[in-house]
Amino acid sequence: MASPRLTEAHPVAPSPSPHSPGAERMRRHRARRRAGKVCVFIELDPGTISGLVELGWLSGRQRDDRAAVIDGFCRFIGFALVTRNARR
């Protein structure tokens, strides 16, 4: 009777693991810095959000939609800066 043939097991290379959340934040930070951008945190009170609605930068239905508020605020600030620079 022939003895069973033993084969050597070859380990499978693990797939690359995704970056940690901290590494991803640092990667985005460095990309912003290279592009000349900065990241700021702004707290908007309900009165400011109402102002965006009154001025037409935000739909009243979207006042609780965080992404819509951010978009409306950024568009408002961009308009204000362009208008200011046009007056100079």
Protein backbone atom coordinates (compact mmCIF):
# COMPACT_ATOMS: atom_id res chain seq x y z
CA MET A 1 0.00 0.00 0.00
CA ALA A 2 1.35 3.36 -1.00
CA SER A 3 1.72 5.99 1.63
CA PRO A 4 -0.29 9.18 1.11
CA ARG A 5 1.68 11.94 -0.50
CA LEU A 6 2.04 15.04 1.62
CA THR A 7 1.92 18.36 -0.12
CA GLU A 8 3.14 21.60 1.24
CA ALA A 9 0.43 24.16 1.88
CA HIS A 10 1.11 27.57 0.41
CA PRO A 11 -0.37 30.41 2.38
CA VAL A 12 -2.67 32.69 0.42
CA ALA A 13 -1.57 36.29 0.49
CA PRO A 14 -4.12 38.37 2.36
CA SER A 15 -5.97 40.96 0.34
CA PRO A 16 -4.85 44.48 1.10
CA SER A 17 -6.74 45.76 4.09
CA PRO A 18 -8.57 49.05 3.79
CA HIS A 19 -6.91 52.03 5.42
CA SER A 20 -7.85 52.90 8.95
CA PRO A 21 -10.23 55.83 9.47
CA GLY A 22 -7.35 57.91 10.81
CA ALA A 23 -5.24 57.20 7.74
CA GLU A 24 -8.15 58.18 5.47
CA ARG A 25 -8.63 61.48 7.32
CA MET A 26 -4.93 62.25 6.99
CA ARG A 27 -4.99 61.36 3.27
CA ARG A 28 -7.93 63.76 2.69
CA HIS A 29 -6.23 66.46 4.80
CA ARG A 30 -3.05 66.25 2.75
CA ALA A 31 -5.00 66.31 -0.52
CA ARG A 32 -6.86 69.46 0.61
CA ARG A 33 -3.62 71.10 1.68
CA ARG A 34 -1.99 70.35 -1.70
CA ALA A 35 -5.03 71.89 -3.42
CA GLY A 36 -4.76 75.00 -1.22
CA LYS A 37 -8.01 74.24 0.58
CA VAL A 38 -8.84 74.29 4.27
CA CYS A 39 -11.56 72.51 6.17
CA VAL A 40 -13.59 74.55 8.66
CA PHE A 41 -16.35 73.62 11.04
CA ILE A 42 -19.22 76.08 11.33
CA GLU A 43 -22.17 75.84 13.66
CA LEU A 44 -25.35 77.31 12.14
CA ASP A 45 -28.19 78.21 14.47
CA PRO A 46 -31.85 77.91 13.42
CA GLY A 47 -31.99 81.66 12.71
CA THR A 48 -29.19 81.41 10.18
CA ILE A 49 -30.88 78.47 8.48
CA SER A 50 -34.14 80.47 8.39
CA GLY A 51 -32.18 83.33 6.81
CA LEU A 52 -30.94 81.02 4.06
CA VAL A 53 -34.55 79.99 3.40
CA GLU A 54 -35.78 83.61 3.38
CA LEU A 55 -33.03 84.67 0.97
CA GLY A 56 -33.79 81.74 -1.35
CA TRP A 57 -30.55 79.84 -0.84
CA LEU A 58 -32.34 76.90 0.77
CA SER A 59 -35.76 75.38 0.28
CA GLY A 60 -37.94 75.37 3.39
CA ARG A 61 -38.49 71.64 2.90
CA GLN A 62 -34.72 71.09 3.10
CA ARG A 63 -34.04 72.95 6.35
CA ASP A 64 -33.48 69.62 8.18
CA ASP A 65 -31.34 68.13 5.38
CA ARG A 66 -27.74 68.59 6.51
CA ALA A 67 -26.25 68.23 3.02
CA ALA A 68 -28.74 70.75 1.58
CA VAL A 69 -27.98 73.26 4.36
CA ILE A 70 -24.25 72.93 3.73
CA ASP A 71 -24.77 73.35 -0.02
CA GLY A 72 -27.01 76.40 0.43
CA PHE A 73 -24.58 78.00 2.88
CA CYS A 74 -21.58 77.41 0.61
CA ARG A 75 -23.44 78.84 -2.40
CA PHE A 76 -24.45 81.88 -0.31
CA ILE A 77 -20.87 82.50 0.85
CA GLY A 78 -19.55 82.05 -2.70
CA PHE A 79 -22.09 84.56 -4.02
CA ALA A 80 -21.25 87.03 -1.26
CA LEU A 81 -17.54 86.84 -2.03
CA VAL A 82 -18.03 87.19 -5.78
CA THR A 83 -20.38 90.16 -5.25
CA ARG A 84 -17.92 91.78 -2.85
CA ASN A 85 -15.03 91.38 -5.28
CA ALA A 86 -17.12 92.77 -8.16
CA ARG A 87 -17.71 95.98 -6.20
CA ARG A 88 -14.02 96.69 -5.77
